N, C-alpha and C. Protein backbone atom coordinates (compact mmCIF):
# COMPACT_ATOMS: atom_id res chain seq x y z
N MET A 1 0.89 -1.04 -0.12
CA MET A 1 0.06 -0.15 0.08
C MET A 1 1.02 1.37 0.24
N TYR A 2 0.25 1.94 -0.86
CA TYR A 2 1.06 3.37 -0.79
C TYR A 2 0.77 4.56 -0.12
N LYS A 3 1.68 5.24 0.58
CA LYS A 3 1.45 6.28 1.38
C LYS A 3 1.31 7.38 0.63
N ILE A 4 0.20 8.43 -0.21
CA ILE A 4 0.40 9.18 -1.13
C ILE A 4 0.23 10.32 -0.55
N TYR A 5 1.24 11.43 -0.64
CA TYR A 5 1.08 13.31 -0.18
C TYR A 5 1.06 13.62 -2.03
N TRP A 6 -0.01 14.13 -2.09
CA TRP A 6 -0.44 14.80 -3.52
C TRP A 6 -0.07 15.99 -3.44
N GLN A 7 0.51 16.52 -4.42
CA GLN A 7 1.12 18.08 -4.63
C GLN A 7 0.01 18.63 -5.78
N GLY A 8 0.13 19.75 -5.52
CA GLY A 8 -0.72 20.56 -6.61
C GLY A 8 -1.94 21.07 -6.06
N GLY A 9 -2.96 20.51 -6.41
CA GLY A 9 -4.33 20.94 -6.13
C GLY A 9 -4.67 22.49 -6.87
N VAL A 10 -3.79 22.64 -8.13
CA VAL A 10 -3.77 23.48 -9.04
C VAL A 10 -5.06 23.65 -9.90
N THR A 11 -5.84 24.79 -10.17
CA THR A 11 -6.65 24.78 -11.14
C THR A 11 -5.83 24.52 -12.88
N LEU A 12 -6.54 23.68 -13.65
CA LEU A 12 -5.82 23.80 -15.01
C LEU A 12 -5.60 25.03 -15.38
N LYS A 13 -6.60 26.23 -15.43
CA LYS A 13 -6.52 27.48 -15.87
C LYS A 13 -5.15 27.78 -15.34
N GLU A 14 -5.02 27.58 -14.05
CA GLU A 14 -3.66 28.44 -13.30
C GLU A 14 -2.31 27.94 -14.18
N LEU A 15 -2.36 26.29 -14.44
CA LEU A 15 -1.57 25.72 -15.11
C LEU A 15 -1.33 26.15 -16.47
N VAL A 16 -1.95 26.42 -16.95
CA VAL A 16 -2.04 26.83 -18.21
C VAL A 16 -1.42 28.15 -18.30
N GLU A 17 -1.85 28.82 -17.22
CA GLU A 17 -1.50 30.32 -17.42
C GLU A 17 0.09 30.51 -17.02
N LYS A 18 0.52 29.46 -16.50
CA LYS A 18 1.80 29.62 -15.90
C LYS A 18 2.82 28.83 -17.00
N ARG A 19 2.11 27.97 -17.89
CA ARG A 19 2.65 26.81 -18.95
C ARG A 19 2.91 25.90 -18.04
N PHE A 20 2.62 25.37 -17.35
CA PHE A 20 2.63 24.32 -16.53
C PHE A 20 4.15 24.25 -16.03
N SER A 21 4.92 25.29 -15.69
CA SER A 21 6.05 25.65 -14.97
C SER A 21 5.87 24.80 -13.35
N ALA A 22 4.62 25.23 -12.69
CA ALA A 22 4.45 24.35 -11.41
C ALA A 22 4.32 23.03 -11.59
N VAL A 23 4.72 22.40 -12.25
CA VAL A 23 4.43 20.86 -12.35
C VAL A 23 5.78 20.56 -12.48
N PRO A 24 6.46 19.48 -11.58
CA PRO A 24 7.71 19.01 -11.76
C PRO A 24 8.06 18.32 -13.07
N ALA A 25 9.15 18.48 -13.42
CA ALA A 25 9.72 17.58 -14.75
C ALA A 25 10.37 16.65 -14.32
N GLU A 26 9.50 15.46 -13.57
CA GLU A 26 9.90 14.20 -13.33
C GLU A 26 9.02 13.26 -13.29
N HIS A 27 9.22 12.08 -13.57
CA HIS A 27 8.62 11.01 -13.75
C HIS A 27 7.47 11.16 -12.48
N GLY A 28 6.32 10.55 -12.92
CA GLY A 28 5.08 10.70 -11.67
C GLY A 28 3.72 10.33 -12.16
N VAL A 29 2.97 10.55 -11.52
CA VAL A 29 1.32 10.09 -11.60
C VAL A 29 0.46 11.36 -11.03
N TYR A 30 -0.39 11.27 -12.07
CA TYR A 30 -1.52 12.91 -12.08
C TYR A 30 -2.77 12.64 -11.80
N LEU A 31 -3.30 13.46 -11.31
CA LEU A 31 -4.72 13.22 -11.32
C LEU A 31 -5.65 14.44 -11.42
N ILE A 32 -6.59 14.31 -11.97
CA ILE A 32 -7.73 15.31 -12.63
C ILE A 32 -8.93 15.06 -11.65
N SER A 33 -9.22 16.06 -10.86
CA SER A 33 -10.37 16.17 -10.25
C SER A 33 -11.32 17.17 -10.33
N GLU A 34 -12.46 17.46 -9.58
CA GLU A 34 -13.48 18.14 -9.93
C GLU A 34 -13.50 19.24 -8.58
N THR A 35 -12.32 18.84 -7.49
CA THR A 35 -12.27 19.66 -6.32
C THR A 35 -10.90 19.93 -5.79
N ALA A 36 -10.89 20.96 -4.83
CA ALA A 36 -9.60 21.57 -4.46
C ALA A 36 -9.01 20.91 -3.35
N ASN A 37 -10.40 20.09 -2.72
CA ASN A 37 -10.13 19.15 -1.51
C ASN A 37 -8.94 18.09 -1.82
N LYS A 38 -8.51 17.62 -0.61
CA LYS A 38 -7.51 16.32 -0.75
C LYS A 38 -8.42 15.30 -1.49
N PRO A 39 -7.73 14.70 -2.57
CA PRO A 39 -8.56 13.41 -3.44
C PRO A 39 -8.78 12.31 -2.45
N VAL A 40 -9.87 12.04 -2.64
CA VAL A 40 -10.30 10.63 -2.10
C VAL A 40 -10.94 9.79 -3.00
N PRO A 41 -10.85 8.51 -2.69
CA PRO A 41 -11.36 7.36 -3.57
C PRO A 41 -12.90 7.75 -4.35
N ASN A 42 -13.39 7.54 -5.29
CA ASN A 42 -14.66 7.72 -5.82
C ASN A 42 -15.36 6.18 -5.52
N PRO A 43 -16.68 6.24 -5.29
CA PRO A 43 -17.16 4.90 -5.13
C PRO A 43 -16.84 4.07 -6.24
N ALA A 44 -16.96 2.81 -5.94
CA ALA A 44 -16.50 1.72 -7.16
C ALA A 44 -17.85 1.77 -8.25
N THR A 45 -17.34 1.42 -9.36
CA THR A 45 -18.27 1.52 -10.56
C THR A 45 -19.17 0.48 -10.28
N LYS A 46 -20.15 0.54 -10.94
CA LYS A 46 -21.47 -0.57 -10.97
C LYS A 46 -21.38 -1.06 -12.36
N ARG A 47 -21.50 -2.52 -12.82
CA ARG A 47 -21.40 -2.73 -14.19
C ARG A 47 -22.94 -2.20 -14.61
N ARG A 48 -23.00 -2.20 -15.98
CA ARG A 48 -24.15 -1.61 -16.85
C ARG A 48 -25.56 -2.76 -16.26
N ASP A 49 -25.17 -3.87 -15.96
CA ASP A 49 -26.43 -4.79 -15.70
C ASP A 49 -26.77 -4.99 -14.24
N ASP A 50 -25.88 -4.18 -13.27
CA ASP A 50 -25.95 -4.35 -12.05
C ASP A 50 -27.51 -3.05 -11.63
N PRO A 51 -28.44 -3.97 -10.89
CA PRO A 51 -29.74 -3.30 -10.75
C PRO A 51 -29.10 -1.72 -9.74
N GLY A 52 -28.21 -1.89 -8.98
CA GLY A 52 -27.79 -0.50 -8.36
C GLY A 52 -27.13 0.54 -9.07
N ARG A 53 -27.08 0.28 -10.29
CA ARG A 53 -26.03 1.22 -11.07
C ARG A 53 -26.69 2.72 -11.10
N GLU A 54 -27.64 2.72 -11.31
CA GLU A 54 -28.36 4.07 -11.66
C GLU A 54 -28.23 5.18 -10.27
N GLN A 55 -28.54 4.20 -9.12
CA GLN A 55 -28.39 4.81 -7.76
C GLN A 55 -27.11 5.27 -7.60
N ALA A 56 -26.14 4.46 -7.96
CA ALA A 56 -24.66 4.75 -7.85
C ALA A 56 -24.13 6.13 -8.68
N ILE A 57 -24.93 5.90 -10.17
CA ILE A 57 -24.44 7.05 -10.64
C ILE A 57 -25.04 8.29 -10.57
N GLN A 58 -26.40 8.22 -9.65
CA GLN A 58 -27.02 9.52 -8.84
C GLN A 58 -25.92 10.39 -7.75
N ILE A 59 -25.70 9.40 -6.88
CA ILE A 59 -24.70 9.90 -5.90
C ILE A 59 -23.52 10.36 -6.41
N SER A 60 -22.85 9.87 -7.56
CA SER A 60 -21.63 10.15 -7.99
C SER A 60 -21.82 11.65 -8.38
N ARG A 61 -23.03 12.19 -8.97
CA ARG A 61 -22.85 13.19 -9.49
C ARG A 61 -22.92 14.25 -8.46
N ASN A 62 -23.53 14.00 -7.11
CA ASN A 62 -23.25 14.80 -5.77
C ASN A 62 -22.13 14.89 -5.33
N ILE A 63 -21.04 14.45 -5.83
CA ILE A 63 -19.68 14.47 -4.97
C ILE A 63 -18.57 14.96 -5.72
N ASP A 64 -17.55 15.45 -5.24
CA ASP A 64 -16.53 16.03 -5.64
C ASP A 64 -15.99 14.87 -6.22
N CYS A 65 -15.67 14.78 -7.46
CA CYS A 65 -15.07 13.17 -7.79
C CYS A 65 -13.74 13.41 -8.47
N ILE A 66 -13.04 12.29 -8.43
CA ILE A 66 -11.61 12.11 -9.29
C ILE A 66 -12.27 11.76 -10.67
N LEU A 67 -11.59 12.61 -11.78
CA LEU A 67 -12.14 12.45 -13.18
C LEU A 67 -10.90 11.28 -13.73
N TYR A 68 -9.65 11.31 -13.47
CA TYR A 68 -8.61 10.85 -14.49
C TYR A 68 -7.50 10.69 -13.84
N ILE A 69 -6.89 9.44 -13.67
CA ILE A 69 -5.76 9.09 -13.40
C ILE A 69 -4.67 8.72 -14.33
N GLY A 70 -3.35 9.51 -14.59
CA GLY A 70 -2.56 9.11 -15.65
C GLY A 70 -1.32 9.04 -14.82
N LYS A 71 -0.04 8.62 -15.85
CA LYS A 71 1.19 8.65 -15.59
C LYS A 71 2.04 9.11 -16.55
N ALA A 72 3.44 9.50 -16.12
CA ALA A 72 4.33 10.33 -16.95
C ALA A 72 5.51 9.50 -16.61
N ALA A 73 5.98 8.24 -17.37
CA ALA A 73 7.18 7.37 -16.77
C ALA A 73 7.98 6.91 -18.21
N SER A 74 7.77 7.95 -19.58
CA SER A 74 8.45 7.12 -20.40
C SER A 74 9.89 7.96 -20.63
N ALA A 75 11.04 7.44 -21.50
CA ALA A 75 12.04 8.33 -21.61
C ALA A 75 11.85 9.76 -21.87
N THR A 76 10.91 9.88 -22.95
CA THR A 76 10.39 11.35 -23.39
C THR A 76 9.43 12.17 -22.71
N SER A 77 8.57 11.56 -21.54
CA SER A 77 7.60 12.12 -20.75
C SER A 77 8.13 12.34 -19.49
N ASN A 78 7.62 13.49 -18.98
CA ASN A 78 7.58 13.72 -17.55
C ASN A 78 6.16 14.41 -17.23
N LEU A 79 5.94 14.72 -16.01
CA LEU A 79 4.84 15.29 -15.41
C LEU A 79 4.82 16.61 -16.13
N ARG A 80 5.43 17.23 -16.36
CA ARG A 80 5.24 18.64 -17.13
C ARG A 80 4.89 18.40 -18.30
N THR A 81 5.53 17.43 -19.24
CA THR A 81 5.64 17.78 -20.38
C THR A 81 4.12 16.61 -20.88
N ARG A 82 3.73 15.67 -19.94
CA ARG A 82 2.47 14.91 -20.33
C ARG A 82 1.24 15.69 -19.66
N LEU A 83 1.48 16.49 -18.95
CA LEU A 83 0.08 17.19 -18.81
C LEU A 83 0.07 18.60 -19.67
N GLY A 84 1.12 18.96 -19.85
CA GLY A 84 1.37 20.26 -21.06
C GLY A 84 0.86 19.69 -22.37
N SER A 85 0.93 18.36 -22.88
CA SER A 85 0.57 17.73 -24.11
C SER A 85 -0.90 17.71 -24.08
N TYR A 86 -1.69 17.64 -23.12
CA TYR A 86 -3.14 17.36 -23.06
C TYR A 86 -3.66 19.08 -23.56
N TYR A 87 -2.82 20.10 -23.41
CA TYR A 87 -3.45 21.12 -23.86
C TYR A 87 -3.26 21.62 -24.93
N ILE A 88 -3.80 22.11 -26.04
CA ILE A 88 -3.89 22.53 -27.60
C ILE A 88 -3.91 24.01 -27.04
N GLN A 89 -2.93 24.76 -27.74
CA GLN A 89 -2.84 26.18 -27.81
C GLN A 89 -3.57 26.81 -29.09
N ASP A 90 -4.38 27.67 -28.96
CA ASP A 90 -4.99 28.34 -30.02
C ASP A 90 -5.64 27.42 -30.55
N TYR A 91 -6.39 26.46 -30.36
CA TYR A 91 -7.18 25.79 -30.73
C TYR A 91 -8.52 26.22 -30.80
N GLU A 92 -9.12 26.01 -32.07
CA GLU A 92 -10.25 26.52 -32.46
C GLU A 92 -10.94 25.58 -32.96
N ALA A 93 -12.32 25.27 -32.77
CA ALA A 93 -13.01 24.06 -33.19
C ALA A 93 -13.39 24.58 -35.02
N GLY A 94 -13.04 23.75 -35.67
CA GLY A 94 -13.45 23.70 -37.09
C GLY A 94 -11.89 24.33 -37.96
N VAL A 95 -10.96 25.00 -37.14
CA VAL A 95 -9.96 25.70 -37.55
C VAL A 95 -8.61 24.71 -37.67
N ALA A 96 -8.46 24.41 -36.39
CA ALA A 96 -7.44 23.41 -36.32
C ALA A 96 -7.66 22.01 -36.50
N PRO A 97 -6.88 21.00 -37.29
CA PRO A 97 -7.20 19.92 -36.86
C PRO A 97 -7.32 18.89 -35.39
N VAL A 98 -8.53 18.39 -35.59
CA VAL A 98 -8.68 17.91 -34.61
C VAL A 98 -7.70 16.38 -33.93
N PRO A 99 -6.40 16.33 -32.92
CA PRO A 99 -5.66 15.76 -32.94
C PRO A 99 -6.40 14.32 -32.40
N LYS A 100 -5.65 13.15 -32.83
CA LYS A 100 -5.93 11.68 -32.59
C LYS A 100 -6.15 11.66 -30.97
N ARG A 101 -5.47 12.34 -30.52
CA ARG A 101 -5.42 12.22 -28.89
C ARG A 101 -6.89 12.39 -28.52
N ASN A 102 -7.73 13.21 -29.30
CA ASN A 102 -9.20 13.22 -28.75
C ASN A 102 -9.85 12.17 -28.28
N LYS A 103 -9.41 11.19 -28.84
CA LYS A 103 -10.22 9.92 -28.49
C LYS A 103 -9.78 9.11 -27.17
N HIS A 104 -8.84 9.94 -26.42
CA HIS A 104 -8.61 9.50 -25.06
C HIS A 104 -9.38 10.31 -24.21
N LYS A 105 -10.13 9.87 -23.64
CA LYS A 105 -11.29 10.30 -22.62
C LYS A 105 -10.74 11.54 -21.54
N GLY A 106 -9.44 11.15 -21.04
CA GLY A 106 -8.76 12.13 -20.37
C GLY A 106 -8.83 13.66 -21.13
N ALA A 107 -7.94 13.28 -22.29
CA ALA A 107 -7.83 14.37 -23.10
C ALA A 107 -8.88 15.07 -23.67
N ALA A 108 -9.86 14.15 -23.98
CA ALA A 108 -11.33 14.96 -24.58
C ALA A 108 -11.74 15.73 -23.29
N TRP A 109 -11.86 15.28 -21.89
CA TRP A 109 -12.57 16.16 -21.30
C TRP A 109 -11.63 17.39 -21.09
N LEU A 110 -10.50 17.45 -20.79
CA LEU A 110 -9.47 18.70 -20.85
C LEU A 110 -9.73 19.37 -22.16
N HIS A 111 -10.05 19.03 -23.33
CA HIS A 111 -10.33 19.53 -24.48
C HIS A 111 -11.48 20.53 -24.24
N THR A 112 -12.54 19.62 -23.78
CA THR A 112 -13.87 20.30 -23.47
C THR A 112 -13.74 21.50 -22.69
N HIS A 113 -13.25 21.06 -21.74
CA HIS A 113 -12.74 22.21 -20.55
C HIS A 113 -12.31 23.44 -21.28
N GLN A 114 -11.24 23.19 -21.97
CA GLN A 114 -10.55 24.35 -22.50
C GLN A 114 -11.47 25.21 -23.30
N ASN A 115 -11.94 24.48 -24.25
CA ASN A 115 -12.87 25.22 -25.25
C ASN A 115 -14.25 25.76 -24.85
N TYR A 116 -15.00 25.09 -23.76
CA TYR A 116 -16.11 25.30 -23.31
C TYR A 116 -16.21 25.62 -22.06
N PRO A 117 -15.68 26.65 -21.29
CA PRO A 117 -15.11 26.77 -20.00
C PRO A 117 -16.52 26.86 -19.27
N ASP A 118 -17.44 27.65 -19.90
CA ASP A 118 -18.77 27.80 -19.33
C ASP A 118 -19.60 26.63 -18.83
N TYR A 119 -19.23 25.54 -19.80
CA TYR A 119 -20.18 24.47 -19.53
C TYR A 119 -19.45 23.04 -18.85
N SER A 120 -18.34 23.59 -17.98
CA SER A 120 -17.66 22.32 -17.63
C SER A 120 -17.25 22.68 -16.00
N PRO A 121 -17.16 22.03 -15.11
CA PRO A 121 -16.27 22.52 -13.93
C PRO A 121 -15.21 23.11 -13.61
N THR A 122 -14.78 23.57 -12.93
CA THR A 122 -13.38 24.08 -12.81
C THR A 122 -12.68 22.52 -12.37
N LEU A 123 -11.62 22.31 -12.99
CA LEU A 123 -10.79 21.11 -13.05
C LEU A 123 -9.36 21.50 -12.21
N TYR A 124 -9.09 20.44 -11.24
CA TYR A 124 -7.89 20.63 -10.38
C TYR A 124 -7.02 19.23 -10.69
N VAL A 125 -5.70 19.93 -10.90
CA VAL A 125 -4.57 18.68 -11.26
C VAL A 125 -4.03 18.77 -10.12
N TRP A 126 -3.50 17.10 -9.64
CA TRP A 126 -2.64 16.87 -8.61
C TRP A 126 -1.64 16.17 -8.99
N TRP A 127 -0.77 15.75 -8.60
CA TRP A 127 0.57 15.13 -8.81
C TRP A 127 1.46 14.36 -7.80
N ILE A 128 1.93 13.50 -7.99
CA ILE A 128 3.15 12.83 -6.99
C ILE A 128 4.10 12.48 -7.94
N VAL A 129 5.65 12.73 -7.55
CA VAL A 129 6.52 12.37 -7.90
C VAL A 129 6.75 10.94 -7.63
N ILE A 130 7.19 10.02 -8.42
CA ILE A 130 7.58 8.77 -7.96
C ILE A 130 8.09 7.89 -9.19
N PRO A 131 9.23 7.27 -8.58
CA PRO A 131 10.00 6.59 -10.07
C PRO A 131 9.10 5.69 -10.52
N ASN A 132 8.50 4.74 -9.87
CA ASN A 132 7.74 3.57 -10.28
C ASN A 132 6.41 3.92 -10.68
N ALA A 133 6.21 4.94 -11.79
CA ALA A 133 5.13 5.54 -12.07
C ALA A 133 3.78 4.43 -12.53
N LEU A 134 4.47 3.36 -13.39
CA LEU A 134 3.31 2.80 -13.90
C LEU A 134 2.63 1.77 -13.02
N GLN A 135 3.32 1.36 -11.84
CA GLN A 135 2.75 0.51 -10.89
C GLN A 135 2.02 1.28 -9.94
N ALA A 136 2.27 2.44 -9.86
CA ALA A 136 1.40 3.44 -8.75
C ALA A 136 0.17 3.94 -9.44
N GLU A 137 0.28 3.85 -10.74
CA GLU A 137 -1.02 4.32 -11.58
C GLU A 137 -1.85 2.88 -11.39
N THR A 138 -1.35 1.75 -11.52
CA THR A 138 -2.20 0.88 -11.69
C THR A 138 -2.91 0.61 -10.25
N HIS A 139 -1.96 1.01 -9.06
CA HIS A 139 -2.68 0.73 -8.00
C HIS A 139 -3.95 1.92 -7.96
N LEU A 140 -3.54 3.19 -7.83
CA LEU A 140 -4.02 4.13 -7.97
C LEU A 140 -5.65 4.07 -8.53
N ILE A 141 -5.78 3.62 -9.92
CA ILE A 141 -6.96 3.24 -10.52
C ILE A 141 -7.70 2.38 -9.88
N ARG A 142 -7.28 1.40 -9.45
CA ARG A 142 -7.66 0.15 -9.10
C ARG A 142 -8.35 0.71 -7.59
N HIS A 143 -7.76 1.46 -6.57
CA HIS A 143 -8.20 1.93 -5.43
C HIS A 143 -9.21 3.20 -5.71
N MET A 144 -9.05 4.31 -6.59
CA MET A 144 -9.67 5.41 -6.10
C MET A 144 -10.79 5.66 -7.41
N HIS A 145 -10.71 4.59 -8.39
CA HIS A 145 -11.89 4.28 -9.26
C HIS A 145 -12.29 5.76 -9.96
N PRO A 146 -11.39 6.42 -10.65
CA PRO A 146 -11.78 7.72 -11.66
C PRO A 146 -12.62 7.44 -12.62
N TYR A 147 -13.44 8.26 -12.92
CA TYR A 147 -14.56 7.76 -13.75
C TYR A 147 -14.25 7.88 -15.52
N LEU A 148 -13.09 8.79 -15.62
CA LEU A 148 -12.76 8.56 -17.08
C LEU A 148 -11.72 7.87 -17.43
N ASN A 149 -11.25 6.97 -16.38
CA ASN A 149 -10.15 5.79 -17.08
C ASN A 149 -11.31 4.55 -17.13
N THR A 150 -10.70 4.16 -18.35
CA THR A 150 -11.19 2.67 -18.93
C THR A 150 -10.26 1.60 -18.67
N TYR A 151 -9.13 1.93 -18.48
CA TYR A 151 -7.92 0.53 -18.33
C TYR A 151 -7.87 0.28 -16.87
N LYS A 152 -7.65 -1.12 -16.52
CA LYS A 152 -7.38 -1.55 -15.39
C LYS A 152 -8.41 -0.78 -14.13
N ARG A 153 -9.77 -1.00 -14.33
CA ARG A 153 -10.68 -0.50 -13.56
C ARG A 153 -11.42 -2.11 -13.43
N PHE A 154 -12.19 -1.79 -11.91
CA PHE A 154 -12.69 -3.04 -11.19
C PHE A 154 -13.95 -2.51 -10.74
N ASP A 155 -14.98 -3.30 -10.65
CA ASP A 155 -16.13 -3.06 -10.20
C ASP A 155 -16.34 -3.05 -8.81
N SER A 156 -17.17 -2.62 -8.02
CA SER A 156 -17.87 -2.69 -6.68
C SER A 156 -17.28 -4.27 -6.26
N ASN A 157 -17.59 -5.35 -6.77
CA ASN A 157 -17.05 -6.71 -6.51
C ASN A 157 -15.83 -7.23 -6.65
N GLY A 158 -15.14 -6.16 -7.26
CA GLY A 158 -13.62 -6.70 -7.49
C GLY A 158 -13.42 -7.34 -8.83
N LYS A 159 -14.50 -7.36 -9.62
CA LYS A 159 -14.29 -8.07 -10.91
C LYS A 159 -13.82 -7.14 -12.05
N LYS A 160 -12.97 -7.29 -12.82
CA LYS A 160 -12.58 -6.50 -14.05
C LYS A 160 -13.39 -5.82 -14.67
N LEU A 161 -13.46 -4.64 -15.03
CA LEU A 161 -14.35 -3.97 -15.96
C LEU A 161 -13.56 -4.09 -17.26
N SER A 162 -14.36 -3.90 -18.41
CA SER A 162 -13.86 -3.82 -19.81
C SER A 162 -14.59 -2.35 -20.13
N PRO A 163 -14.10 -1.79 -21.06
CA PRO A 163 -14.73 -0.16 -21.33
C PRO A 163 -16.27 -0.78 -21.75
N LYS A 164 -16.77 -1.76 -22.09
CA LYS A 164 -18.10 -1.98 -22.66
C LYS A 164 -18.81 -1.93 -21.33
N ASP A 165 -18.61 -2.35 -20.24
CA ASP A 165 -18.73 -2.34 -18.57
C ASP A 165 -19.38 -0.91 -18.40
N LEU A 166 -18.60 -0.08 -18.79
CA LEU A 166 -18.67 1.23 -18.25
C LEU A 166 -19.64 2.09 -18.91
């Protein structure tokens, strides 16, 4: 079990204004949430065929939730470059080509936030510097149940979820 000391809790808007300079240029795990409060696990997701799914969805709409957890652990990626890569500068719908990464749920959410801020909540970015980011990301996704991650997810009974189950 990891003892996590999240850093950040900075709005996405602030990070963009500072060109992500507040984010360390080191390997680690990042978390995107709807709250400036210390991140706590979301309730576990229920499968589509679970009779309690609708009630669980309603409850999740009334909490400050964790939206996405990701890692920056490659030879060419660190937390600053990874988080910065989600943000498209000077993007205008219909003018710039939509990058392939828009198919990535975390990136799609951030792009929506960037281009339609009146229709999306304030997003907060958290991070931890950790050398074994891949292992930490896997553990955190399983433990914290971020709503936009589709990989490495488990339901409330501990059974692995596929993207079709979400």
